[in-house]
Amino acid sequence: MAVKIGITGPVGSIKAEALKKIMEMLEKDGAVVQGVLVSEINENHKLMGYSLFDISTKKRIIFAQPNIVSRVKIDKLGVDTRLLEEILIPSLQKARENADYIVIDEVGKLENLTRNIQREVEETLKSQKPLIVTLHKKSRNPVLQEIRSLEGIRVFDITPINRNLLPFKVLRVLRGEEVT
């Protein structure tokens, strides 16, 4: 059974920082890490969009902005679902085939945007590859509840106090070392 790690915590950048540190340590050990990262785009402390980064191809797209006209919204921003599917779906498919570790950042923002994305995220969650996902702490989203109930998943709550130690703890769990 592949190890599945969830990282949850407050809104802000500490989950992303921890995830990037974990990825760096895995890659330093020679592991292939693939999947997707989501970033907020802020201007003058105002949310102006979201971007998606394909870890493998290094391609970054902006998929949510105020000027995108769409019935699909994230935080009142229009979402270009076609563009998002063009990057996210092949990225997760390739990760399931080739990666040693799969990363999905901000699962709570992505998986309900289209049926195709939801299906791809679910397939990736069922994968026999080790997986690291970041989750919204308080979301009642059914997919997040499902992730929390996955067999073998370990969910870590990141805080400003444990933010520097947590990546090392997660790495030990991914390596199969017992961590309390």
N, C-alpha and C. Protein backbone atom coordinates (compact mmCIF):
# COMPACT_ATOMS: atom_id res chain seq x y z
N MET A 1 0.85 -1.19 0.00
CA MET A 1 0.00 0.00 0.00
C MET A 1 0.89 1.25 0.00
N ALA A 2 0.66 2.13 -0.95
CA ALA A 2 1.45 3.35 -1.06
C ALA A 2 1.08 4.33 0.05
N VAL A 3 2.08 5.02 0.53
CA VAL A 3 1.87 6.03 1.57
C VAL A 3 1.20 7.24 0.95
N LYS A 4 0.18 7.74 1.62
CA LYS A 4 -0.52 8.94 1.18
C LYS A 4 -0.45 9.95 2.32
N ILE A 5 0.00 11.16 1.98
CA ILE A 5 0.20 12.21 2.97
C ILE A 5 -0.71 13.39 2.64
N GLY A 6 -1.41 13.87 3.64
CA GLY A 6 -2.18 15.10 3.51
C GLY A 6 -1.55 16.15 4.41
N ILE A 7 -1.42 17.36 3.90
CA ILE A 7 -0.91 18.46 4.71
C ILE A 7 -2.02 19.49 4.77
N THR A 8 -2.45 19.82 5.97
CA THR A 8 -3.52 20.78 6.16
C THR A 8 -3.03 21.88 7.09
N GLY A 9 -3.66 23.01 7.00
CA GLY A 9 -3.26 24.12 7.85
C GLY A 9 -3.98 25.38 7.45
N PRO A 10 -3.59 26.47 8.07
CA PRO A 10 -4.28 27.74 7.81
C PRO A 10 -4.03 28.24 6.39
N VAL A 11 -4.95 29.10 5.94
CA VAL A 11 -4.78 29.74 4.64
C VAL A 11 -3.48 30.54 4.69
N GLY A 12 -2.75 30.50 3.63
CA GLY A 12 -1.47 31.20 3.59
C GLY A 12 -0.44 30.34 2.90
N SER A 13 0.79 30.75 2.99
CA SER A 13 1.83 30.10 2.19
C SER A 13 2.58 29.00 2.92
N ILE A 14 2.30 28.73 4.19
CA ILE A 14 3.17 27.76 4.88
C ILE A 14 2.98 26.34 4.38
N LYS A 15 1.78 25.98 3.91
CA LYS A 15 1.60 24.64 3.31
C LYS A 15 2.44 24.52 2.05
N ALA A 16 2.38 25.56 1.21
CA ALA A 16 3.15 25.55 -0.04
C ALA A 16 4.65 25.50 0.23
N GLU A 17 5.10 26.25 1.23
CA GLU A 17 6.53 26.24 1.58
C GLU A 17 6.96 24.85 2.03
N ALA A 18 6.16 24.22 2.87
CA ALA A 18 6.49 22.87 3.36
C ALA A 18 6.49 21.88 2.20
N LEU A 19 5.50 21.98 1.32
CA LEU A 19 5.42 21.08 0.17
C LEU A 19 6.65 21.22 -0.72
N LYS A 20 7.05 22.45 -0.99
CA LYS A 20 8.24 22.67 -1.82
C LYS A 20 9.50 22.11 -1.16
N LYS A 21 9.60 22.25 0.15
CA LYS A 21 10.76 21.71 0.87
C LYS A 21 10.77 20.17 0.77
N ILE A 22 9.62 19.55 0.94
CA ILE A 22 9.52 18.09 0.83
C ILE A 22 9.93 17.64 -0.58
N MET A 23 9.43 18.34 -1.60
CA MET A 23 9.78 18.01 -2.98
C MET A 23 11.28 18.14 -3.21
N GLU A 24 11.88 19.21 -2.71
CA GLU A 24 13.33 19.41 -2.86
C GLU A 24 14.11 18.25 -2.23
N MET A 25 13.70 17.84 -1.03
CA MET A 25 14.41 16.75 -0.34
C MET A 25 14.25 15.43 -1.10
N LEU A 26 13.05 15.15 -1.62
CA LEU A 26 12.84 13.93 -2.40
C LEU A 26 13.68 13.94 -3.67
N GLU A 27 13.69 15.08 -4.38
CA GLU A 27 14.47 15.18 -5.61
C GLU A 27 15.97 15.08 -5.33
N LYS A 28 16.40 15.62 -4.20
CA LYS A 28 17.81 15.52 -3.82
C LYS A 28 18.21 14.05 -3.62
N ASP A 29 17.25 13.23 -3.17
CA ASP A 29 17.47 11.79 -3.00
C ASP A 29 17.37 11.04 -4.33
N GLY A 30 17.09 11.75 -5.43
CA GLY A 30 17.01 11.11 -6.73
C GLY A 30 15.62 10.68 -7.14
N ALA A 31 14.60 11.01 -6.36
CA ALA A 31 13.23 10.62 -6.68
C ALA A 31 12.65 11.51 -7.78
N VAL A 32 11.74 10.94 -8.55
CA VAL A 32 11.00 11.68 -9.56
C VAL A 32 9.68 12.14 -8.93
N VAL A 33 9.51 13.45 -8.83
CA VAL A 33 8.30 14.04 -8.25
C VAL A 33 7.54 14.73 -9.38
N GLN A 34 6.27 14.37 -9.55
CA GLN A 34 5.45 14.98 -10.59
C GLN A 34 4.07 15.29 -10.03
N GLY A 35 3.34 16.12 -10.75
CA GLY A 35 2.00 16.52 -10.34
C GLY A 35 1.83 18.00 -10.58
N VAL A 36 1.00 18.65 -9.76
CA VAL A 36 0.67 20.05 -9.98
C VAL A 36 0.72 20.85 -8.69
N LEU A 37 1.10 22.12 -8.87
CA LEU A 37 1.10 23.10 -7.78
C LEU A 37 0.17 24.24 -8.17
N VAL A 38 -0.57 24.76 -7.20
CA VAL A 38 -1.47 25.89 -7.42
C VAL A 38 -0.93 27.08 -6.63
N SER A 39 -0.95 28.26 -7.27
CA SER A 39 -0.50 29.47 -6.59
C SER A 39 -1.53 30.57 -6.74
N GLU A 40 -1.67 31.35 -5.69
CA GLU A 40 -2.50 32.55 -5.76
C GLU A 40 -1.70 33.64 -6.48
N ILE A 41 -2.41 34.49 -7.20
CA ILE A 41 -1.81 35.68 -7.80
C ILE A 41 -2.43 36.87 -7.07
N ASN A 42 -1.61 37.60 -6.36
CA ASN A 42 -2.08 38.74 -5.58
C ASN A 42 -1.44 40.02 -6.08
N GLU A 43 -2.23 41.07 -6.11
CA GLU A 43 -1.73 42.41 -6.43
C GLU A 43 -2.26 43.36 -5.37
N ASN A 44 -1.36 44.07 -4.71
CA ASN A 44 -1.75 45.00 -3.65
C ASN A 44 -2.65 44.32 -2.62
N HIS A 45 -2.26 43.13 -2.20
CA HIS A 45 -2.98 42.34 -1.19
C HIS A 45 -4.38 41.94 -1.61
N LYS A 46 -4.65 41.94 -2.92
CA LYS A 46 -5.96 41.53 -3.44
C LYS A 46 -5.78 40.32 -4.35
N LEU A 47 -6.62 39.30 -4.15
CA LEU A 47 -6.57 38.09 -4.98
C LEU A 47 -6.98 38.43 -6.40
N MET A 48 -6.08 38.19 -7.34
CA MET A 48 -6.33 38.50 -8.75
C MET A 48 -6.35 37.26 -9.64
N GLY A 49 -6.07 36.10 -9.08
CA GLY A 49 -6.11 34.92 -9.91
C GLY A 49 -5.43 33.72 -9.26
N TYR A 50 -5.46 32.62 -10.01
CA TYR A 50 -4.78 31.39 -9.61
C TYR A 50 -4.01 30.85 -10.81
N SER A 51 -2.82 30.32 -10.53
CA SER A 51 -2.05 29.68 -11.58
C SER A 51 -1.83 28.21 -11.22
N LEU A 52 -1.60 27.41 -12.24
CA LEU A 52 -1.30 25.99 -12.08
C LEU A 52 0.06 25.74 -12.71
N PHE A 53 0.91 25.01 -11.99
CA PHE A 53 2.26 24.69 -12.44
C PHE A 53 2.39 23.19 -12.56
N ASP A 54 2.74 22.72 -13.76
CA ASP A 54 3.01 21.30 -13.99
C ASP A 54 4.47 21.05 -13.60
N ILE A 55 4.68 20.26 -12.57
CA ILE A 55 6.02 20.03 -12.02
C ILE A 55 6.95 19.40 -13.06
N SER A 56 6.42 18.51 -13.88
CA SER A 56 7.24 17.80 -14.85
C SER A 56 7.66 18.68 -16.03
N THR A 57 6.69 19.34 -16.65
CA THR A 57 6.98 20.13 -17.86
C THR A 57 7.42 21.55 -17.54
N LYS A 58 7.23 21.96 -16.29
CA LYS A 58 7.54 23.34 -15.84
C LYS A 58 6.62 24.37 -16.49
N LYS A 59 5.52 23.93 -17.07
CA LYS A 59 4.57 24.84 -17.70
C LYS A 59 3.65 25.44 -16.63
N ARG A 60 3.47 26.77 -16.72
CA ARG A 60 2.58 27.47 -15.78
C ARG A 60 1.50 28.17 -16.59
N ILE A 61 0.25 28.02 -16.12
CA ILE A 61 -0.87 28.71 -16.75
C ILE A 61 -1.64 29.48 -15.69
N ILE A 62 -2.29 30.53 -16.11
CA ILE A 62 -3.23 31.23 -15.23
C ILE A 62 -4.61 30.74 -15.64
N PHE A 63 -5.32 30.09 -14.71
CA PHE A 63 -6.60 29.48 -15.05
C PHE A 63 -7.79 30.17 -14.41
N ALA A 64 -7.56 31.09 -13.48
CA ALA A 64 -8.66 31.81 -12.84
C ALA A 64 -8.27 33.28 -12.70
N GLN A 65 -9.16 34.15 -13.21
CA GLN A 65 -8.93 35.60 -13.17
C GLN A 65 -10.29 36.31 -13.18
N PRO A 66 -10.32 37.56 -12.76
CA PRO A 66 -11.58 38.30 -12.79
C PRO A 66 -12.13 38.50 -14.20
N ASN A 67 -11.25 38.60 -15.20
CA ASN A 67 -11.70 38.89 -16.57
C ASN A 67 -12.09 37.65 -17.37
N ILE A 68 -12.01 36.47 -16.78
CA ILE A 68 -12.44 35.25 -17.49
C ILE A 68 -13.95 35.09 -17.27
N VAL A 69 -14.69 35.04 -18.36
CA VAL A 69 -16.13 34.86 -18.30
C VAL A 69 -16.41 33.35 -18.27
N SER A 70 -16.98 32.89 -17.16
CA SER A 70 -17.22 31.46 -16.99
C SER A 70 -18.29 31.25 -15.93
N ARG A 71 -19.07 30.18 -16.12
CA ARG A 71 -20.02 29.81 -15.06
C ARG A 71 -19.29 29.18 -13.88
N VAL A 72 -18.10 28.67 -14.13
CA VAL A 72 -17.31 28.03 -13.07
C VAL A 72 -16.47 29.11 -12.39
N LYS A 73 -16.55 29.16 -11.07
CA LYS A 73 -15.87 30.20 -10.29
C LYS A 73 -15.07 29.58 -9.15
N ILE A 74 -13.96 30.25 -8.82
CA ILE A 74 -13.22 30.00 -7.59
C ILE A 74 -13.04 31.36 -6.94
N ASP A 75 -13.53 31.51 -5.74
CA ASP A 75 -13.39 32.79 -5.02
C ASP A 75 -13.82 33.96 -5.90
N LYS A 76 -14.94 33.83 -6.59
CA LYS A 76 -15.53 34.86 -7.45
C LYS A 76 -14.72 35.15 -8.72
N LEU A 77 -13.71 34.35 -8.99
CA LEU A 77 -12.90 34.50 -10.20
C LEU A 77 -13.39 33.51 -11.25
N GLY A 78 -13.45 33.95 -12.51
CA GLY A 78 -13.81 33.04 -13.59
C GLY A 78 -12.71 32.03 -13.84
N VAL A 79 -13.09 30.81 -14.18
CA VAL A 79 -12.13 29.72 -14.40
C VAL A 79 -12.19 29.26 -15.85
N ASP A 80 -11.03 29.22 -16.49
CA ASP A 80 -10.90 28.67 -17.84
C ASP A 80 -10.71 27.16 -17.68
N THR A 81 -11.82 26.43 -17.66
CA THR A 81 -11.76 24.99 -17.39
C THR A 81 -11.06 24.23 -18.52
N ARG A 82 -11.23 24.70 -19.75
CA ARG A 82 -10.58 24.02 -20.88
C ARG A 82 -9.06 24.07 -20.74
N LEU A 83 -8.53 25.26 -20.45
CA LEU A 83 -7.09 25.42 -20.27
C LEU A 83 -6.60 24.60 -19.07
N LEU A 84 -7.36 24.63 -17.99
CA LEU A 84 -6.99 23.87 -16.80
C LEU A 84 -6.93 22.37 -17.11
N GLU A 85 -7.95 21.87 -17.80
CA GLU A 85 -7.95 20.44 -18.16
C GLU A 85 -6.77 20.09 -19.06
N GLU A 86 -6.40 20.98 -19.98
CA GLU A 86 -5.30 20.71 -20.92
C GLU A 86 -3.97 20.48 -20.21
N ILE A 87 -3.79 21.09 -19.04
CA ILE A 87 -2.54 20.94 -18.31
C ILE A 87 -2.68 19.91 -17.19
N LEU A 88 -3.73 20.03 -16.40
CA LEU A 88 -3.87 19.20 -15.20
C LEU A 88 -4.04 17.71 -15.53
N ILE A 89 -4.89 17.40 -16.46
CA ILE A 89 -5.19 15.98 -16.73
C ILE A 89 -3.95 15.24 -17.24
N PRO A 90 -3.26 15.73 -18.28
CA PRO A 90 -2.04 15.00 -18.71
C PRO A 90 -0.97 14.96 -17.62
N SER A 91 -0.89 16.01 -16.82
CA SER A 91 0.11 16.04 -15.76
C SER A 91 -0.13 14.91 -14.76
N LEU A 92 -1.36 14.73 -14.34
CA LEU A 92 -1.66 13.66 -13.37
C LEU A 92 -1.53 12.28 -14.02
N GLN A 93 -1.93 12.15 -15.28
CA GLN A 93 -1.77 10.86 -15.98
C GLN A 93 -0.29 10.49 -16.07
N LYS A 94 0.54 11.45 -16.46
CA LYS A 94 1.98 11.20 -16.58
C LYS A 94 2.58 10.87 -15.22
N ALA A 95 2.12 11.56 -14.18
CA ALA A 95 2.63 11.30 -12.83
C ALA A 95 2.30 9.87 -12.40
N ARG A 96 1.08 9.42 -12.70
CA ARG A 96 0.71 8.04 -12.32
C ARG A 96 1.58 7.02 -13.04
N GLU A 97 2.02 7.33 -14.24
CA GLU A 97 2.85 6.41 -15.02
C GLU A 97 4.32 6.46 -14.61
N ASN A 98 4.85 7.67 -14.39
CA ASN A 98 6.30 7.84 -14.31
C ASN A 98 6.87 8.28 -12.97
N ALA A 99 6.06 8.87 -12.12
CA ALA A 99 6.61 9.49 -10.90
C ALA A 99 6.88 8.46 -9.81
N ASP A 100 7.85 8.78 -8.98
CA ASP A 100 8.04 8.04 -7.74
C ASP A 100 7.09 8.58 -6.67
N TYR A 101 6.81 9.88 -6.74
CA TYR A 101 5.90 10.56 -5.80
C TYR A 101 5.02 11.51 -6.60
N ILE A 102 3.72 11.52 -6.26
CA ILE A 102 2.77 12.40 -6.93
C ILE A 102 2.35 13.51 -5.96
N VAL A 103 2.29 14.74 -6.48
CA VAL A 103 1.89 15.90 -5.68
C VAL A 103 0.64 16.52 -6.30
N ILE A 104 -0.36 16.80 -5.46
CA ILE A 104 -1.51 17.61 -5.88
C ILE A 104 -1.69 18.68 -4.81
N ASP A 105 -1.43 19.89 -5.20
CA ASP A 105 -1.55 21.03 -4.31
C ASP A 105 -2.97 21.59 -4.38
N GLU A 106 -3.49 21.99 -3.22
CA GLU A 106 -4.81 22.64 -3.15
C GLU A 106 -5.91 21.79 -3.75
N VAL A 107 -6.03 20.56 -3.26
CA VAL A 107 -7.06 19.66 -3.77
C VAL A 107 -8.45 20.29 -3.65
N GLY A 108 -8.73 21.00 -2.60
CA GLY A 108 -10.05 21.58 -2.40
C GLY A 108 -10.46 22.61 -3.43
N LYS A 109 -9.51 23.18 -4.14
CA LYS A 109 -9.83 24.19 -5.15
C LYS A 109 -10.09 23.57 -6.52
N LEU A 110 -9.52 22.42 -6.80
CA LEU A 110 -9.50 21.92 -8.17
C LEU A 110 -10.55 20.88 -8.52
N GLU A 111 -10.79 19.93 -7.62
CA GLU A 111 -11.42 18.70 -8.08
C GLU A 111 -12.88 18.83 -8.48
N ASN A 112 -13.59 19.85 -8.06
CA ASN A 112 -15.01 19.95 -8.42
C ASN A 112 -15.26 20.87 -9.61
N LEU A 113 -14.21 21.33 -10.29
CA LEU A 113 -14.41 22.28 -11.38
C LEU A 113 -15.05 21.65 -12.61
N THR A 114 -14.63 20.42 -12.97
CA THR A 114 -15.26 19.69 -14.07
C THR A 114 -15.28 18.21 -13.71
N ARG A 115 -16.14 17.47 -14.39
CA ARG A 115 -16.18 16.02 -14.15
C ARG A 115 -14.86 15.36 -14.54
N ASN A 116 -14.27 15.84 -15.64
CA ASN A 116 -13.00 15.26 -16.09
C ASN A 116 -11.90 15.45 -15.05
N ILE A 117 -11.83 16.63 -14.46
CA ILE A 117 -10.83 16.89 -13.42
C ILE A 117 -11.13 16.05 -12.19
N GLN A 118 -12.40 15.98 -11.81
CA GLN A 118 -12.77 15.18 -10.64
C GLN A 118 -12.38 13.72 -10.85
N ARG A 119 -12.64 13.19 -12.03
CA ARG A 119 -12.30 11.79 -12.33
C ARG A 119 -10.79 11.59 -12.26
N GLU A 120 -10.03 12.55 -12.80
CA GLU A 120 -8.57 12.42 -12.82
C GLU A 120 -7.98 12.48 -11.40
N VAL A 121 -8.50 13.39 -10.59
CA VAL A 121 -8.04 13.49 -9.19
C VAL A 121 -8.36 12.20 -8.45
N GLU A 122 -9.58 11.68 -8.64
CA GLU A 122 -9.97 10.43 -7.96
C GLU A 122 -9.08 9.27 -8.40
N GLU A 123 -8.78 9.16 -9.70
CA GLU A 123 -7.88 8.11 -10.19
C GLU A 123 -6.50 8.24 -9.54
N THR A 124 -6.04 9.46 -9.41
CA THR A 124 -4.72 9.69 -8.83
C THR A 124 -4.72 9.34 -7.35
N LEU A 125 -5.80 9.66 -6.66
CA LEU A 125 -5.90 9.32 -5.23
C LEU A 125 -5.88 7.81 -5.02
N LYS A 126 -6.43 7.06 -5.97
CA LYS A 126 -6.46 5.59 -5.88
C LYS A 126 -5.17 4.94 -6.33
N SER A 127 -4.29 5.72 -6.91
CA SER A 127 -3.04 5.22 -7.46
C SER A 127 -2.22 4.48 -6.41
N GLN A 128 -1.40 3.56 -6.86
CA GLN A 128 -0.52 2.82 -5.96
C GLN A 128 0.82 3.53 -5.77
N LYS A 129 0.88 4.79 -6.16
CA LYS A 129 2.09 5.59 -5.97
C LYS A 129 1.97 6.41 -4.69
N PRO A 130 3.07 6.67 -4.02
CA PRO A 130 3.03 7.58 -2.87
C PRO A 130 2.52 8.95 -3.32
N LEU A 131 1.72 9.55 -2.47
CA LEU A 131 1.02 10.77 -2.84
C LEU A 131 1.12 11.79 -1.72
N ILE A 132 1.30 13.06 -2.11
CA ILE A 132 1.29 14.16 -1.15
C ILE A 132 0.28 15.18 -1.65
N VAL A 133 -0.70 15.51 -0.82
CA VAL A 133 -1.70 16.51 -1.19
C VAL A 133 -1.77 17.57 -0.10
N THR A 134 -2.10 18.80 -0.51
CA THR A 134 -2.41 19.82 0.49
C THR A 134 -3.92 20.00 0.49
N LEU A 135 -4.45 20.20 1.68
CA LEU A 135 -5.90 20.26 1.90
C LEU A 135 -6.28 21.50 2.68
N HIS A 136 -7.48 22.00 2.42
CA HIS A 136 -8.00 23.08 3.26
C HIS A 136 -8.36 22.49 4.62
N LYS A 137 -8.01 23.18 5.66
CA LYS A 137 -8.18 22.66 7.02
C LYS A 137 -9.64 22.42 7.39
N LYS A 138 -10.51 23.37 7.12
CA LYS A 138 -11.86 23.30 7.65
C LYS A 138 -12.92 22.99 6.60
N SER A 139 -12.52 22.63 5.43
CA SER A 139 -13.49 22.42 4.35
C SER A 139 -14.39 21.22 4.62
N ARG A 140 -15.65 21.38 4.29
CA ARG A 140 -16.63 20.28 4.37
C ARG A 140 -16.80 19.62 3.00
N ASN A 141 -15.93 19.97 2.07
CA ASN A 141 -15.98 19.44 0.72
C ASN A 141 -15.96 17.90 0.79
N PRO A 142 -16.92 17.23 0.09
CA PRO A 142 -16.98 15.76 0.14
C PRO A 142 -15.69 15.08 -0.32
N VAL A 143 -15.02 15.64 -1.33
CA VAL A 143 -13.78 15.03 -1.81
C VAL A 143 -12.71 15.11 -0.73
N LEU A 144 -12.65 16.23 -0.02
CA LEU A 144 -11.66 16.36 1.06
C LEU A 144 -11.98 15.38 2.19
N GLN A 145 -13.26 15.20 2.48
CA GLN A 145 -13.65 14.23 3.50
C GLN A 145 -13.25 12.82 3.06
N GLU A 146 -13.42 12.55 1.76
CA GLU A 146 -13.04 11.24 1.21
C GLU A 146 -11.53 11.03 1.32
N ILE A 147 -10.76 12.07 1.04
CA ILE A 147 -9.30 11.98 1.14
C ILE A 147 -8.91 11.67 2.57
N ARG A 148 -9.53 12.37 3.51
CA ARG A 148 -9.20 12.16 4.92
C ARG A 148 -9.52 10.74 5.38
N SER A 149 -10.45 10.07 4.66
CA SER A 149 -10.82 8.71 5.06
C SER A 149 -10.10 7.64 4.24
N LEU A 150 -9.22 8.03 3.32
CA LEU A 150 -8.47 7.05 2.52
C LEU A 150 -7.67 6.12 3.43
N GLU A 151 -7.63 4.88 3.04
CA GLU A 151 -6.84 3.91 3.79
C GLU A 151 -5.37 4.27 3.69
N GLY A 152 -4.72 4.33 4.82
CA GLY A 152 -3.29 4.57 4.85
C GLY A 152 -2.89 6.03 4.79
N ILE A 153 -3.85 6.95 4.73
CA ILE A 153 -3.46 8.36 4.65
C ILE A 153 -3.05 8.86 6.03
N ARG A 154 -2.02 9.66 6.05
CA ARG A 154 -1.58 10.35 7.26
C ARG A 154 -1.75 11.84 7.00
N VAL A 155 -2.55 12.51 7.81
CA VAL A 155 -2.78 13.93 7.64
C VAL A 155 -2.01 14.67 8.72
N PHE A 156 -1.19 15.62 8.27
CA PHE A 156 -0.39 16.44 9.18
C PHE A 156 -0.92 17.86 9.15
N ASP A 157 -1.07 18.44 10.32
CA ASP A 157 -1.50 19.82 10.45
C ASP A 157 -0.26 20.69 10.62
N ILE A 158 -0.06 21.60 9.68
CA ILE A 158 1.11 22.47 9.75
C ILE A 158 0.74 23.76 10.48
N THR A 159 1.64 24.20 11.32
CA THR A 159 1.46 25.44 12.08
C THR A 159 2.73 26.27 11.98
N PRO A 160 2.65 27.54 12.34
CA PRO A 160 3.89 28.33 12.35
C PRO A 160 4.97 27.74 13.26
N ILE A 161 4.55 26.99 14.28
CA ILE A 161 5.51 26.41 15.22
C ILE A 161 6.23 25.20 14.63
N ASN A 162 5.49 24.32 13.91
CA ASN A 162 6.11 23.09 13.40
C ASN A 162 6.50 23.17 11.93
N ARG A 163 6.36 24.33 11.31
CA ARG A 163 6.57 24.47 9.87
C ARG A 163 7.96 24.05 9.40
N ASN A 164 8.98 24.22 10.23
CA ASN A 164 10.33 23.85 9.81
C ASN A 164 10.62 22.37 10.02
N LEU A 165 9.98 21.74 10.99
CA LEU A 165 10.21 20.32 11.27
C LEU A 165 9.32 19.40 10.45
N LEU A 166 8.13 19.88 10.09
CA LEU A 166 7.16 19.02 9.41
C LEU A 166 7.69 18.38 8.13
N PRO A 167 8.39 19.08 7.25
CA PRO A 167 8.89 18.41 6.04
C PRO A 167 9.78 17.20 6.35
N PHE A 168 10.58 17.28 7.39
CA PHE A 168 11.44 16.15 7.77
C PHE A 168 10.61 14.98 8.30
N LYS A 169 9.55 15.29 9.05
CA LYS A 169 8.66 14.26 9.57
C LYS A 169 7.94 13.55 8.42
N VAL A 170 7.43 14.34 7.46
CA VAL A 170 6.75 13.77 6.30
C VAL A 170 7.71 12.89 5.50
N LEU A 171 8.92 13.33 5.31
CA LEU A 171 9.91 12.55 4.58
C LEU A 171 10.15 11.20 5.25
N ARG A 172 10.22 11.20 6.56
CA ARG A 172 10.41 9.94 7.29
C ARG A 172 9.23 8.99 7.07
N VAL A 173 8.02 9.53 7.08
CA VAL A 173 6.83 8.69 6.83
C VAL A 173 6.86 8.14 5.41
N LEU A 174 7.21 8.99 4.44
CA LEU A 174 7.29 8.53 3.05
C LEU A 174 8.32 7.42 2.88
N ARG A 175 9.38 7.45 3.66
CA ARG A 175 10.43 6.43 3.60
C ARG A 175 10.06 5.17 4.38
N GLY A 176 8.90 5.19 5.04
CA GLY A 176 8.45 4.01 5.78
C GLY A 176 8.95 3.95 7.21
N GLU A 177 9.55 5.03 7.68
CA GLU A 177 10.02 5.06 9.07
C GLU A 177 8.83 5.40 9.97
N GLU A 178 8.77 4.81 11.12
CA GLU A 178 7.65 5.07 12.05
C GLU A 178 7.83 6.44 12.69
N VAL A 179 6.78 7.23 12.62
CA VAL A 179 6.81 8.57 13.19
C VAL A 179 5.57 8.72 14.07
N THR A 180 5.79 9.28 15.25
CA THR A 180 4.64 9.48 16.14
C THR A 180 4.19 10.91 16.13
